[in-house]
Amino acid sequence: MQPVTVFVAREIAGDACRRAAVHEHEMKHVEVYETYLRDATGTLAQSLPELVGDRIYYAADPTQAQGELQQTLAQFLGDFTAKSTEELGARQAAVDSADEYARVANACGGAKTQ
């Protein structure tokens, strides 16, 4: 979960209308990330206490207990990251619909060729 930079192709940088249309589309992708981050925060806030909670951990020594807890957390976060990647991919694909591509292509009187 990193800061996001939106890039707009230099070929359209000089065309304010096309740049605005493409920028608007790309900001929809940013909104997907922002929404997902809020969702993920809620999910983690609920799931992590359920995972490790107020339980007592029994182990032969503190190093073993810490290792087991780290393994549990690593497995949980690995699964969470895999599910997040899949979910984000689906949400981003929905932004890139045929209707959305047509909207951007037809903005400003249609696509211009270079």
PDB file of N, CA and C in Angstrom:
ATOM      1  N   MET A   1       0.846  -1.151   0.000  1.00  0.00           N
ATOM      2  CA  MET A   1       0.000   0.000   0.000  1.00  0.00           C
ATOM      3  C   MET A   1       0.901   1.226   0.000  1.00  0.00           C
ATOM      4  N   GLN A   2       1.090   1.733  -1.189  1.00  0.00           N
ATOM      5  CA  GLN A   2       2.038   2.802  -1.447  1.00  0.00           C
ATOM      6  C   GLN A   2       1.298   4.024  -1.994  1.00  0.00           C
ATOM      7  N   PRO A   3       1.915   5.206  -1.922  1.00  0.00           N
ATOM      8  CA  PRO A   3       1.331   6.369  -2.594  1.00  0.00           C
ATOM      9  C   PRO A   3       1.193   6.082  -4.087  1.00  0.00           C
ATOM     10  N   VAL A   4       0.241   6.715  -4.715  1.00  0.00           N
ATOM     11  CA  VAL A   4      -0.049   6.470  -6.128  1.00  0.00           C
ATOM     12  C   VAL A   4       0.336   7.701  -6.933  1.00  0.00           C
ATOM     13  N   THR A   5       0.999   7.471  -8.059  1.00  0.00           N
ATOM     14  CA  THR A   5       1.315   8.532  -9.008  1.00  0.00           C
ATOM     15  C   THR A   5       0.535   8.251 -10.277  1.00  0.00           C
ATOM     16  N   VAL A   6      -0.156   9.251 -10.787  1.00  0.00           N
ATOM     17  CA  VAL A   6      -0.922   9.106 -12.027  1.00  0.00           C
ATOM     18  C   VAL A   6      -0.094   9.685 -13.153  1.00  0.00           C
ATOM     19  N   PHE A   7       0.146   8.867 -14.164  1.00  0.00           N
ATOM     20  CA  PHE A   7       0.896   9.298 -15.339  1.00  0.00           C
ATOM     21  C   PHE A   7      -0.064   9.481 -16.500  1.00  0.00           C
ATOM     22  N   VAL A   8       0.110  10.556 -17.236  1.00  0.00           N
ATOM     23  CA  VAL A   8      -0.668  10.804 -18.437  1.00  0.00           C
ATOM     24  C   VAL A   8       0.331  10.920 -19.585  1.00  0.00           C
ATOM     25  N   ALA A   9       0.072  10.230 -20.675  1.00  0.00           N
ATOM     26  CA  ALA A   9       1.005  10.172 -21.808  1.00  0.00           C
ATOM     27  C   ALA A   9       1.365  11.565 -22.315  1.00  0.00           C
ATOM     28  N   ARG A  10       2.632  11.747 -22.614  1.00  0.00           N
ATOM     29  CA  ARG A  10       3.095  13.058 -23.099  1.00  0.00           C
ATOM     30  C   ARG A  10       2.464  13.418 -24.439  1.00  0.00           C
ATOM     31  N   GLU A  11       2.010  12.410 -25.196  1.00  0.00           N
ATOM     32  CA  GLU A  11       1.382  12.681 -26.492  1.00  0.00           C
ATOM     33  C   GLU A  11       0.108  13.520 -26.345  1.00  0.00           C
ATOM     34  N   ILE A  12      -0.524  13.471 -25.186  1.00  0.00           N
ATOM     35  CA  ILE A  12      -1.748  14.242 -25.006  1.00  0.00           C
ATOM     36  C   ILE A  12      -1.573  15.395 -24.017  1.00  0.00           C
ATOM     37  N   ALA A  13      -0.383  15.566 -23.507  1.00  0.00           N
ATOM     38  CA  ALA A  13      -0.139  16.593 -22.488  1.00  0.00           C
ATOM     39  C   ALA A  13      -0.488  17.992 -22.989  1.00  0.00           C
ATOM     40  N   GLY A  14      -0.297  18.243 -24.276  1.00  0.00           N
ATOM     41  CA  GLY A  14      -0.571  19.560 -24.822  1.00  0.00           C
ATOM     42  C   GLY A  14      -2.026  19.798 -25.178  1.00  0.00           C
ATOM     43  N   ASP A  15      -2.843  18.762 -25.105  1.00  0.00           N
ATOM     44  CA  ASP A  15      -4.272  18.871 -25.444  1.00  0.00           C
ATOM     45  C   ASP A  15      -5.047  18.836 -24.131  1.00  0.00           C
ATOM     46  N   ALA A  16      -5.428  20.002 -23.646  1.00  0.00           N
ATOM     47  CA  ALA A  16      -6.068  20.104 -22.320  1.00  0.00           C
ATOM     48  C   ALA A  16      -7.328  19.257 -22.211  1.00  0.00           C
ATOM     49  N   CYS A  17      -8.120  19.208 -23.246  1.00  0.00           N
ATOM     50  CA  CYS A  17      -9.364  18.437 -23.195  1.00  0.00           C
ATOM     51  C   CYS A  17      -9.078  16.935 -23.092  1.00  0.00           C
ATOM     52  N   ARG A  18      -8.224  16.434 -23.960  1.00  0.00           N
ATOM     53  CA  ARG A  18      -7.892  14.998 -23.912  1.00  0.00           C
ATOM     54  C   ARG A  18      -7.176  14.645 -22.614  1.00  0.00           C
ATOM     55  N   ARG A  19      -6.272  15.521 -22.187  1.00  0.00           N
ATOM     56  CA  ARG A  19      -5.570  15.278 -20.930  1.00  0.00           C
ATOM     57  C   ARG A  19      -6.567  15.180 -19.783  1.00  0.00           C
ATOM     58  N   ALA A  20      -7.548  16.063 -19.749  1.00  0.00           N
ATOM     59  CA  ALA A  20      -8.562  16.045 -18.688  1.00  0.00           C
ATOM     60  C   ALA A  20      -9.386  14.763 -18.728  1.00  0.00           C
ATOM     61  N   ALA A  21      -9.746  14.314 -19.927  1.00  0.00           N
ATOM     62  CA  ALA A  21     -10.541  13.085 -20.052  1.00  0.00           C
ATOM     63  C   ALA A  21      -9.760  11.873 -19.565  1.00  0.00           C
ATOM     64  N   VAL A  22      -8.498  11.787 -19.954  1.00  0.00           N
ATOM     65  CA  VAL A  22      -7.661  10.663 -19.520  1.00  0.00           C
ATOM     66  C   VAL A  22      -7.390  10.759 -18.021  1.00  0.00           C
ATOM     67  N   HIS A  23      -7.114  11.967 -17.532  1.00  0.00           N
ATOM     68  CA  HIS A  23      -6.865  12.153 -16.109  1.00  0.00           C
ATOM     69  C   HIS A  23      -8.091  11.746 -15.294  1.00  0.00           C
ATOM     70  N   GLU A  24      -9.275  12.124 -15.763  1.00  0.00           N
ATOM     71  CA  GLU A  24     -10.513  11.740 -15.070  1.00  0.00           C
ATOM     72  C   GLU A  24     -10.625  10.216 -14.989  1.00  0.00           C
ATOM     73  N   HIS A  25     -10.316   9.535 -16.083  1.00  0.00           N
ATOM     74  CA  HIS A  25     -10.354   8.066 -16.085  1.00  0.00           C
ATOM     75  C   HIS A  25      -9.355   7.500 -15.082  1.00  0.00           C
ATOM     76  N   GLU A  26      -8.138   8.003 -15.119  1.00  0.00           N
ATOM     77  CA  GLU A  26      -7.107   7.488 -14.212  1.00  0.00           C
ATOM     78  C   GLU A  26      -7.460   7.754 -12.752  1.00  0.00           C
ATOM     79  N   MET A  27      -8.120   8.866 -12.481  1.00  0.00           N
ATOM     80  CA  MET A  27      -8.531   9.155 -11.107  1.00  0.00           C
ATOM     81  C   MET A  27      -9.609   8.173 -10.626  1.00  0.00           C
ATOM     82  N   LYS A  28     -10.344   7.579 -11.558  1.00  0.00           N
ATOM     83  CA  LYS A  28     -11.280   6.513 -11.172  1.00  0.00           C
ATOM     84  C   LYS A  28     -10.507   5.310 -10.632  1.00  0.00           C
ATOM     85  N   HIS A  29      -9.355   5.043 -11.233  1.00  0.00           N
ATOM     86  CA  HIS A  29      -8.506   3.960 -10.720  1.00  0.00           C
ATOM     87  C   HIS A  29      -7.988   4.311  -9.324  1.00  0.00           C
ATOM     88  N   VAL A  30      -7.596   5.555  -9.124  1.00  0.00           N
ATOM     89  CA  VAL A  30      -7.131   5.988  -7.804  1.00  0.00           C
ATOM     90  C   VAL A  30      -8.251   5.827  -6.783  1.00  0.00           C
ATOM     91  N   GLU A  31      -9.465   6.180  -7.164  1.00  0.00           N
ATOM     92  CA  GLU A  31     -10.613   6.036  -6.258  1.00  0.00           C
ATOM     93  C   GLU A  31     -10.824   4.574  -5.855  1.00  0.00           C
ATOM     94  N   VAL A  32     -10.607   3.669  -6.801  1.00  0.00           N
ATOM     95  CA  VAL A  32     -10.714   2.243  -6.477  1.00  0.00           C
ATOM     96  C   VAL A  32      -9.721   1.890  -5.375  1.00  0.00           C
ATOM     97  N   TYR A  33      -8.478   2.346  -5.510  1.00  0.00           N
ATOM     98  CA  TYR A  33      -7.476   2.074  -4.478  1.00  0.00           C
ATOM     99  C   TYR A  33      -7.869   2.688  -3.136  1.00  0.00           C
ATOM    100  N   GLU A  34      -8.313   3.942  -3.165  1.00  0.00           N
ATOM    101  CA  GLU A  34      -8.686   4.602  -1.911  1.00  0.00           C
ATOM    102  C   GLU A  34      -9.831   3.882  -1.221  1.00  0.00           C
ATOM    103  N   THR A  35     -10.828   3.482  -1.984  1.00  0.00           N
ATOM    104  CA  THR A  35     -11.966   2.745  -1.426  1.00  0.00           C
ATOM    105  C   THR A  35     -11.507   1.407  -0.867  1.00  0.00           C
ATOM    106  N   TYR A  36     -10.651   0.729  -1.631  1.00  0.00           N
ATOM    107  CA  TYR A  36     -10.175  -0.569  -1.162  1.00  0.00           C
ATOM    108  C   TYR A  36      -9.358  -0.440   0.120  1.00  0.00           C
ATOM    109  N   LEU A  37      -8.542   0.597   0.215  1.00  0.00           N
ATOM    110  CA  LEU A  37      -7.749   0.796   1.426  1.00  0.00           C
ATOM    111  C   LEU A  37      -8.650   0.992   2.638  1.00  0.00           C
ATOM    112  N   ARG A  38      -9.736   1.756   2.473  1.00  0.00           N
ATOM    113  CA  ARG A  38     -10.687   1.915   3.589  1.00  0.00           C
ATOM    114  C   ARG A  38     -11.308   0.567   3.947  1.00  0.00           C
ATOM    115  N   ASP A  39     -11.702  -0.192   2.927  1.00  0.00           N
ATOM    116  CA  ASP A  39     -12.283  -1.517   3.167  1.00  0.00           C
ATOM    117  C   ASP A  39     -11.278  -2.434   3.859  1.00  0.00           C
ATOM    118  N   ALA A  40     -10.046  -2.422   3.373  1.00  0.00           N
ATOM    119  CA  ALA A  40      -9.003  -3.299   3.919  1.00  0.00           C
ATOM    120  C   ALA A  40      -8.691  -2.945   5.363  1.00  0.00           C
ATOM    121  N   THR A  41      -8.692  -1.657   5.672  1.00  0.00           N
ATOM    122  CA  THR A  41      -8.433  -1.223   7.044  1.00  0.00           C
ATOM    123  C   THR A  41      -9.478  -1.803   7.984  1.00  0.00           C
ATOM    124  N   GLY A  42     -10.730  -1.736   7.584  1.00  0.00           N
ATOM    125  CA  GLY A  42     -11.804  -2.310   8.396  1.00  0.00           C
ATOM    126  C   GLY A  42     -11.674  -3.817   8.543  1.00  0.00           C
ATOM    127  N   THR A  43     -11.348  -4.473   7.461  1.00  0.00           N
ATOM    128  CA  THR A  43     -11.181  -5.926   7.492  1.00  0.00           C
ATOM    129  C   THR A  43     -10.038  -6.317   8.416  1.00  0.00           C
ATOM    130  N   LEU A  44      -8.912  -5.637   8.296  1.00  0.00           N
ATOM    131  CA  LEU A  44      -7.770  -5.943   9.164  1.00  0.00           C
ATOM    132  C   LEU A  44      -8.068  -5.622  10.628  1.00  0.00           C
ATOM    133  N   ALA A  45      -8.753  -4.513  10.871  1.00  0.00           N
ATOM    134  CA  ALA A  45      -9.082  -4.135  12.246  1.00  0.00           C
ATOM    135  C   ALA A  45      -9.962  -5.180  12.916  1.00  0.00           C
ATOM    136  N   GLN A  46     -10.773  -5.850  12.128  1.00  0.00           N
ATOM    137  CA  GLN A  46     -11.627  -6.905  12.677  1.00  0.00           C
ATOM    138  C   GLN A  46     -10.907  -8.252  12.711  1.00  0.00           C
ATOM    139  N   SER A  47     -10.188  -8.574  11.654  1.00  0.00           N
ATOM    140  CA  SER A  47      -9.596  -9.909  11.509  1.00  0.00           C
ATOM    141  C   SER A  47      -8.387 -10.157  12.400  1.00  0.00           C
ATOM    142  N   LEU A  48      -7.527  -9.147  12.547  1.00  0.00           N
ATOM    143  CA  LEU A  48      -6.314  -9.367  13.342  1.00  0.00           C
ATOM    144  C   LEU A  48      -6.614  -9.681  14.810  1.00  0.00           C
ATOM    145  N   PRO A  49      -7.504  -8.958  15.478  1.00  0.00           N
ATOM    146  CA  PRO A  49      -7.830  -9.344  16.863  1.00  0.00           C
ATOM    147  C   PRO A  49      -8.460 -10.737  16.949  1.00  0.00           C
ATOM    148  N   GLU A  50      -9.244 -11.110  15.935  1.00  0.00           N
ATOM    149  CA  GLU A  50      -9.820 -12.456  15.917  1.00  0.00           C
ATOM    150  C   GLU A  50      -8.714 -13.497  15.755  1.00  0.00           C
ATOM    151  N   LEU A  51      -7.692 -13.173  14.991  1.00  0.00           N
ATOM    152  CA  LEU A  51      -6.601 -14.105  14.728  1.00  0.00           C
ATOM    153  C   LEU A  51      -5.720 -14.298  15.958  1.00  0.00           C
ATOM    154  N   VAL A  52      -5.294 -13.207  16.565  1.00  0.00           N
ATOM    155  CA  VAL A  52      -4.351 -13.309  17.681  1.00  0.00           C
ATOM    156  C   VAL A  52      -4.984 -12.993  19.031  1.00  0.00           C
ATOM    157  N   GLY A  53      -6.020 -12.204  19.035  1.00  0.00           N
ATOM    158  CA  GLY A  53      -6.849 -11.904  20.193  1.00  0.00           C
ATOM    159  C   GLY A  53      -6.200 -11.872  21.563  1.00  0.00           C
ATOM    160  N   ASP A  54      -7.016 -12.141  22.524  1.00  0.00           N
ATOM    161  CA  ASP A  54      -6.596 -12.130  23.926  1.00  0.00           C
ATOM    162  C   ASP A  54      -6.256 -13.528  24.417  1.00  0.00           C
ATOM    163  N   ARG A  55      -5.734 -14.332  23.539  1.00  0.00           N
ATOM    164  CA  ARG A  55      -5.372 -15.699  23.912  1.00  0.00           C
ATOM    165  C   ARG A  55      -4.042 -15.732  24.632  1.00  0.00           C
ATOM    166  N   ILE A  56      -3.864 -16.786  25.364  1.00  0.00           N
ATOM    167  CA  ILE A  56      -2.567 -17.053  25.986  1.00  0.00           C
ATOM    168  C   ILE A  56      -1.862 -18.055  25.092  1.00  0.00           C
ATOM    169  N   TYR A  57      -0.626 -17.754  24.754  1.00  0.00           N
ATOM    170  CA  TYR A  57       0.166 -18.640  23.916  1.00  0.00           C
ATOM    171  C   TYR A  57       1.117 -19.431  24.806  1.00  0.00           C
ATOM    172  N   TYR A  58       1.094 -20.731  24.642  1.00  0.00           N
ATOM    173  CA  TYR A  58       1.973 -21.608  25.411  1.00  0.00           C
ATOM    174  C   TYR A  58       3.077 -22.123  24.507  1.00  0.00           C
ATOM    175  N   ALA A  59       4.287 -22.036  24.991  1.00  0.00           N
ATOM    176  CA  ALA A  59       5.429 -22.530  24.231  1.00  0.00           C
ATOM    177  C   ALA A  59       6.546 -22.845  25.217  1.00  0.00           C
ATOM    178  N   ALA A  60       7.503 -23.635  24.751  1.00  0.00           N
ATOM    179  CA  ALA A  60       8.624 -24.033  25.605  1.00  0.00           C
ATOM    180  C   ALA A  60       9.501 -22.830  25.968  1.00  0.00           C
ATOM    181  N   ASP A  61       9.568 -21.830  25.074  1.00  0.00           N
ATOM    182  CA  ASP A  61      10.365 -20.638  25.362  1.00  0.00           C
ATOM    183  C   ASP A  61       9.819 -19.455  24.567  1.00  0.00           C
ATOM    184  N   PRO A  62      10.202 -18.237  24.935  1.00  0.00           N
ATOM    185  CA  PRO A  62       9.687 -17.047  24.244  1.00  0.00           C
ATOM    186  C   PRO A  62      10.025 -17.008  22.758  1.00  0.00           C
ATOM    187  N   THR A  63      11.176 -17.508  22.395  1.00  0.00           N
ATOM    188  CA  THR A  63      11.567 -17.511  20.982  1.00  0.00           C
ATOM    189  C   THR A  63      10.621 -18.384  20.170  1.00  0.00           C
ATOM    190  N   GLN A  64      10.251 -19.530  20.714  1.00  0.00           N
ATOM    191  CA  GLN A  64       9.320 -20.426  20.029  1.00  0.00           C
ATOM    192  C   GLN A  64       7.948 -19.755  19.905  1.00  0.00           C
ATOM    193  N   ALA A  65       7.482 -19.129  20.984  1.00  0.00           N
ATOM    194  CA  ALA A  65       6.183 -18.454  20.957  1.00  0.00           C
ATOM    195  C   ALA A  65       6.175 -17.346  19.908  1.00  0.00           C
ATOM    196  N   GLN A  66       7.236 -16.546  19.895  1.00  0.00           N
ATOM    197  CA  GLN A  66       7.325 -15.464  18.920  1.00  0.00           C
ATOM    198  C   GLN A  66       7.371 -16.021  17.498  1.00  0.00           C
ATOM    199  N   GLY A  67       8.110 -17.085  17.290  1.00  0.00           N
ATOM    200  CA  GLY A  67       8.193 -17.702  15.963  1.00  0.00           C
ATOM    201  C   GLY A  67       6.844 -18.212  15.490  1.00  0.00           C
ATOM    202  N   GLU A  68       6.101 -18.843  16.384  1.00  0.00           N
ATOM    203  CA  GLU A  68       4.777 -19.359  16.016  1.00  0.00           C
ATOM    204  C   GLU A  68       3.815 -18.216  15.691  1.00  0.00           C
ATOM    205  N   LEU A  69       3.872 -17.159  16.493  1.00  0.00           N
ATOM    206  CA  LEU A  69       3.015 -16.001  16.231  1.00  0.00           C
ATOM    207  C   LEU A  69       3.392 -15.340  14.903  1.00  0.00           C
ATOM    208  N   GLN A  70       4.679 -15.206  14.647  1.00  0.00           N
ATOM    209  CA  GLN A  70       5.120 -14.620  13.378  1.00  0.00           C
ATOM    210  C   GLN A  70       4.681 -15.475  12.200  1.00  0.00           C
ATOM    211  N   GLN A  71       4.739 -16.778  12.354  1.00  0.00           N
ATOM    212  CA  GLN A  71       4.311 -17.675  11.281  1.00  0.00           C
ATOM    213  C   GLN A  71       2.807 -17.522  11.030  1.00  0.00           C
ATOM    214  N   THR A  72       2.034 -17.443  12.100  1.00  0.00           N
ATOM    215  CA  THR A  72       0.590 -17.259  11.968  1.00  0.00           C
ATOM    216  C   THR A  72       0.278 -15.949  11.247  1.00  0.00           C
ATOM    217  N   LEU A  73       0.956 -14.876  11.664  1.00  0.00           N
ATOM    218  CA  LEU A  73       0.738 -13.573  11.032  1.00  0.00           C
ATOM    219  C   LEU A  73       1.197 -13.562   9.574  1.00  0.00           C
ATOM    220  N   ALA A  74       2.327 -14.178   9.298  1.00  0.00           N
ATOM    221  CA  ALA A  74       2.836 -14.226   7.920  1.00  0.00           C
ATOM    222  C   ALA A  74       1.864 -14.971   7.007  1.00  0.00           C
ATOM    223  N   GLN A  75       1.317 -16.072   7.479  1.00  0.00           N
ATOM    224  CA  GLN A  75       0.345 -16.833   6.682  1.00  0.00           C
ATOM    225  C   GLN A  75      -0.916 -16.004   6.436  1.00  0.00           C
ATOM    226  N   PHE A  76      -1.403 -15.378   7.503  1.00  0.00           N
ATOM    227  CA  PHE A  76      -2.597 -14.535   7.380  1.00  0.00           C
ATOM    228  C   PHE A  76      -2.366 -13.403   6.386  1.00  0.00           C
ATOM    229  N   LEU A  77      -1.244 -12.684   6.536  1.00  0.00           N
ATOM    230  CA  LEU A  77      -0.975 -11.552   5.656  1.00  0.00           C
ATOM    231  C   LEU A  77      -0.700 -11.985   4.220  1.00  0.00           C
ATOM    232  N   GLY A  78      -0.078 -13.153   4.054  1.00  0.00           N
ATOM    233  CA  GLY A  78       0.117 -13.676   2.698  1.00  0.00           C
ATOM    234  C   GLY A  78      -1.208 -13.964   2.017  1.00  0.00           C
ATOM    235  N   ASP A  79      -2.112 -14.616   2.749  1.00  0.00           N
ATOM    236  CA  ASP A  79      -3.450 -14.895   2.208  1.00  0.00           C
ATOM    237  C   ASP A  79      -4.212 -13.599   1.939  1.00  0.00           C
ATOM    238  N   PHE A  80      -4.114 -12.662   2.884  1.00  0.00           N
ATOM    239  CA  PHE A  80      -4.805 -11.375   2.740  1.00  0.00           C
ATOM    240  C   PHE A  80      -4.291 -10.634   1.507  1.00  0.00           C
ATOM    241  N   THR A  81      -2.984 -10.612   1.309  1.00  0.00           N
ATOM    242  CA  THR A  81      -2.389  -9.923   0.169  1.00  0.00           C
ATOM    243  C   THR A  81      -2.820 -10.574  -1.146  1.00  0.00           C
ATOM    244  N   ALA A  82      -2.846 -11.895  -1.180  1.00  0.00           N
ATOM    245  CA  ALA A  82      -3.276 -12.589  -2.405  1.00  0.00           C
ATOM    246  C   ALA A  82      -4.731 -12.261  -2.733  1.00  0.00           C
ATOM    247  N   LYS A  83      -5.590 -12.290  -1.725  1.00  0.00           N
ATOM    248  CA  LYS A  83      -7.004 -11.956  -1.942  1.00  0.00           C
ATOM    249  C   LYS A  83      -7.147 -10.494  -2.347  1.00  0.00           C
ATOM    250  N   SER A  84      -6.347  -9.617  -1.729  1.00  0.00           N
ATOM    251  CA  SER A  84      -6.404  -8.190  -2.059  1.00  0.00           C
ATOM    252  C   SER A  84      -6.006  -7.945  -3.505  1.00  0.00           C
ATOM    253  N   THR A  85      -4.965  -8.606  -3.940  1.00  0.00           N
ATOM    254  CA  THR A  85      -4.500  -8.454  -5.319  1.00  0.00           C
ATOM    255  C   THR A  85      -5.586  -8.883  -6.296  1.00  0.00           C
ATOM    256  N   GLU A  86      -6.227  -9.986  -6.002  1.00  0.00           N
ATOM    257  CA  GLU A  86      -7.312 -10.483  -6.867  1.00  0.00           C
ATOM    258  C   GLU A  86      -8.494  -9.518  -6.870  1.00  0.00           C
ATOM    259  N   GLU A  87      -8.897  -9.069  -5.694  1.00  0.00           N
ATOM    260  CA  GLU A  87     -10.030  -8.152  -5.587  1.00  0.00           C
ATOM    261  C   GLU A  87      -9.733  -6.821  -6.266  1.00  0.00           C
ATOM    262  N   LEU A  88      -8.559  -6.282  -6.046  1.00  0.00           N
ATOM    263  CA  LEU A  88      -8.192  -5.016  -6.700  1.00  0.00           C
ATOM    264  C   LEU A  88      -8.172  -5.173  -8.221  1.00  0.00           C
ATOM    265  N   GLY A  89      -7.668  -6.294  -8.687  1.00  0.00           N
ATOM    266  CA  GLY A  89      -7.652  -6.538 -10.133  1.00  0.00           C
ATOM    267  C   GLY A  89      -9.056  -6.534 -10.718  1.00  0.00           C
ATOM    268  N   ALA A  90      -9.990  -7.165 -10.015  1.00  0.00           N
ATOM    269  CA  ALA A  90     -11.380  -7.200 -10.486  1.00  0.00           C
ATOM    270  C   ALA A  90     -11.998  -5.802 -10.455  1.00  0.00           C
ATOM    271  N   ARG A  91     -11.745  -5.063  -9.390  1.00  0.00           N
ATOM    272  CA  ARG A  91     -12.302  -3.706  -9.292  1.00  0.00           C
ATOM    273  C   ARG A  91     -11.703  -2.785 -10.348  1.00  0.00           C
ATOM    274  N   GLN A  92     -10.407  -2.921 -10.612  1.00  0.00           N
ATOM    275  CA  GLN A  92      -9.768  -2.079 -11.632  1.00  0.00           C
ATOM    276  C   GLN A  92     -10.263  -2.463 -13.033  1.00  0.00           C
ATOM    277  N   ALA A  93     -10.482  -3.741 -13.262  1.00  0.00           N
ATOM    278  CA  ALA A  93     -10.997  -4.181 -14.563  1.00  0.00           C
ATOM    279  C   ALA A  93     -12.379  -3.592 -14.821  1.00  0.00           C
ATOM    280  N   ALA A  94     -13.173  -3.451 -13.771  1.00  0.00           N
ATOM    281  CA  ALA A  94     -14.502  -2.856 -13.925  1.00  0.00           C
ATOM    282  C   ALA A  94     -14.406  -1.395 -14.362  1.00  0.00           C
ATOM    283  N   VAL A  95     -13.375  -0.693 -13.916  1.00  0.00           N
ATOM    284  CA  VAL A  95     -13.160   0.696 -14.349  1.00  0.00           C
ATOM    285  C   VAL A  95     -12.831   0.729 -15.839  1.00  0.00           C
ATOM    286  N   ASP A  96     -12.103  -0.257 -16.310  1.00  0.00           N
ATOM    287  CA  ASP A  96     -11.675  -0.306 -17.711  1.00  0.00           C
ATOM    288  C   ASP A  96     -12.712  -0.977 -18.611  1.00  0.00           C
ATOM    289  N   SER A  97     -13.960  -0.649 -18.404  1.00  0.00           N
ATOM    290  CA  SER A  97     -15.036  -1.241 -19.202  1.00  0.00           C
ATOM    291  C   SER A  97     -15.018  -0.694 -20.631  1.00  0.00           C
ATOM    292  N   ALA A  98     -15.696  -1.391 -21.511  1.00  0.00           N
ATOM    293  CA  ALA A  98     -15.799  -0.931 -22.895  1.00  0.00           C
ATOM    294  C   ALA A  98     -16.490   0.433 -22.951  1.00  0.00           C
ATOM    295  N   ASP A  99     -17.519   0.629 -22.124  1.00  0.00           N
ATOM    296  CA  ASP A  99     -18.217   1.917 -22.097  1.00  0.00           C
ATOM    297  C   ASP A  99     -17.289   3.045 -21.651  1.00  0.00           C
ATOM    298  N   GLU A 100     -16.457   2.767 -20.645  1.00  0.00           N
ATOM    299  CA  GLU A 100     -15.532   3.787 -20.151  1.00  0.00           C
ATOM    300  C   GLU A 100     -14.484   4.118 -21.206  1.00  0.00           C
ATOM    301  N   TYR A 101     -13.944   3.103 -21.881  1.00  0.00           N
ATOM    302  CA  TYR A 101     -12.969   3.365 -22.936  1.00  0.00           C
ATOM    303  C   TYR A 101     -13.606   4.177 -24.072  1.00  0.00           C
ATOM    304  N   ALA A 102     -14.847   3.862 -24.396  1.00  0.00           N
ATOM    305  CA  ALA A 102     -15.537   4.620 -25.438  1.00  0.00           C
ATOM    306  C   ALA A 102     -15.750   6.067 -24.995  1.00  0.00           C
ATOM    307  N   ARG A 103     -16.104   6.267 -23.721  1.00  0.00           N
ATOM    308  CA  ARG A 103     -16.299   7.623 -23.206  1.00  0.00           C
ATOM    309  C   ARG A 103     -15.020   8.442 -23.351  1.00  0.00           C
ATOM    310  N   VAL A 104     -13.905   7.854 -22.953  1.00  0.00           N
ATOM    311  CA  VAL A 104     -12.628   8.572 -23.039  1.00  0.00           C
ATOM    312  C   VAL A 104     -12.250   8.814 -24.499  1.00  0.00           C
ATOM    313  N   ALA A 105     -12.410   7.806 -25.343  1.00  0.00           N
ATOM    314  CA  ALA A 105     -12.047   7.935 -26.761  1.00  0.00           C
ATOM    315  C   ALA A 105     -12.899   8.980 -27.465  1.00  0.00           C
ATOM    316  N   ASN A 106     -14.148   9.109 -27.058  1.00  0.00           N
ATOM    317  CA  ASN A 106     -15.047  10.050 -27.721  1.00  0.00           C
ATOM    318  C   ASN A 106     -15.090  11.435 -27.069  1.00  0.00           C
ATOM    319  N   ALA A 107     -14.357  11.584 -25.989  1.00  0.00           N
ATOM    320  CA  ALA A 107     -14.286  12.901 -25.353  1.00  0.00           C
ATOM    321  C   ALA A 107     -13.628  13.884 -26.306  1.00  0.00           C
ATOM    322  N   CYS A 108     -14.024  15.101 -26.248  1.00  0.00           N
ATOM    323  CA  CYS A 108     -13.392  16.165 -27.036  1.00  0.00           C
ATOM    324  C   CYS A 108     -13.576  15.940 -28.538  1.00  0.00           C
ATOM    325  N   GLY A 109     -14.656  15.329 -28.921  1.00  0.00           N
ATOM    326  CA  GLY A 109     -14.916  15.134 -30.343  1.00  0.00           C
ATOM    327  C   GLY A 109     -14.279  13.894 -30.927  1.00  0.00           C
ATOM    328  N   GLY A 110     -13.849  12.962 -30.106  1.00  0.00           N
ATOM    329  CA  GLY A 110     -13.276  11.702 -30.590  1.00  0.00           C
ATOM    330  C   GLY A 110     -11.772  11.694 -30.533  1.00  0.00           C
ATOM    331  N   ALA A 111     -11.225  10.512 -30.734  1.00  0.00           N
ATOM    332  CA  ALA A 111      -9.772  10.309 -30.646  1.00  0.00           C
ATOM    333  C   ALA A 111      -9.085  10.991 -31.826  1.00  0.00           C
ATOM    334  N   LYS A 112      -7.935  11.541 -31.551  1.00  0.00           N
ATOM    335  CA  LYS A 112      -7.124  12.169 -32.596  1.00  0.00           C
ATOM    336  C   LYS A 112      -5.952  11.249 -32.897  1.00  0.00           C
ATOM    337  N   THR A 113      -5.566  11.184 -34.141  1.00  0.00           N
ATOM    338  CA  THR A 113      -4.412  10.367 -34.502  1.00  0.00           C
ATOM    339  C   THR A 113      -3.169  11.239 -34.510  1.00  0.00           C
ATOM    340  N   GLN A 114      -2.054  10.633 -34.228  1.00  0.00           N
ATOM    341  CA  GLN A 114      -0.767  11.356 -34.208  1.00  0.00           C
ATOM    342  C   GLN A 114      -0.149  11.367 -35.567  1.00  0.00           C
TER     343      GLN A 114
END
